[in-house]
Amino acid sequence: MNDKNTNPDGTNLDGMNSEELSRDIEKSENEKIESKSFSMNSNPSPQDKKRSLVPYMLIVLFLVAIILACIAVISYSFGVGGDLGSSEKVAVIYVQGTILSGNVPAGLGYATSEEISENIHKAAADSAVKAIVLRINSPGGSPAAAQEIVGEIEKVKAKGIPIVVSMGDLATSAAYYIAAPTDYIIANPSTNTGSIGVIWVFQNMSASYKEEGVDYYVAKSGELKDMGSTWRGLTEEEKEYADTVVMESYEDFITKVSEGRNISKSDVRALADGRIYTGARAKEFGLVDGFGNLYDAIDKAAELGGITGEPKVQYMNRASLSKLLLGSDSGESNETVEQFVNYFEESPYGKILA
């Protein structure tokens, strides 16, 4: 009996025989099964999910490690690293560049009395600090600025906190002035130090002004009020007065060295003709106590401070990339720095240096 959907010849109404139709039905069923299987497997297993998260977890861990490393570097640069929990420390304070008074951003070639004194004061106020090291690399500078720093050094010594000096390449004139009253001075055999003396520099540019057609009229209340001005030279009276001022500062310098180094004034005077001494020669004359580097100075400070074992070190004002990037004064331009030091570098009264 023929199906109502088939023709008498065995084909269906669409012209397909029963065998072809059976194959198409089977194929359709297989496609449905495959599609269902694919749909069921399209959702990843929990294990696949874990594997897909691994790269992201590694990236996060890597970023965390970088952040922690940066924090450690910044902390170390600001003198925190390695000192947490320490009960006995040696504070290291850098004196780098020309010494002058005022407030100039650190790390720009000048060592200001305010910044150095502030760090000495902070170190002395920390009960964990048992000794201080001054790391000096300076050609000298203002006698007044050196006196301010020495005043703070003497206050610290009165508290019983020893101060040791570590000289680098150069520690002359006013830089030696601040070293003299400390408890112990360490230099290198080739360090340049000494230059005990005072100089007052004047500049006479009157010939240049005359060539350029520049003329001046100066109204002044006293004959010496424009002493040191570049538009004229010094009178004989002014030269004598300048010598008197220089010798007053010089005598103070001699006294500080004599008292600080326990050398008679006459012996100091014999050494204080302004010449520079190598560290080796300075040791022969008693101007320094020993040879070594910064770490030898730290060990000596720890010894004088009664610290047993390896001393913990706190760097108070070491220049670092983090300070330049994050410090409040890091954005100063060269022009601004020149404005800070203009009063000293271009004094209308000449420049007194020790």
Foldseek 3Di string as FASTA:
>chain_A
DDDPQADPVQAGPVRHHPVVVVVVVVVVVVVVVVVVVCVVPVDDDPVVVVVVCVVVVVVVVVVVVVVVVVVLVLCVQQQNHPCPPQQAFEEEEEQFAEEEADDFDPPPRYGHLVVLLVLLVVLLVDNRYLEYEYEYDYAFHDLVSLVSNLVSVVVSVVVVHAYEYEYEQEQEASSLLNHLQGDAYAYAQQHKYYLQFKDFDAAACLVVCVVVVHDDDDDDPDPCPQARARNHHDDPVSVVVVVVVRVVSSVVSLVSNCVRQVNDSVLSVVRNPRDIDGPNVCCVSSSHPYYDGPVVRRVVSCVSSVHPDDHHYGYNDDDDPCCLVPPPNNPDDPVNSCVRCVCAVPPSNTHMTD
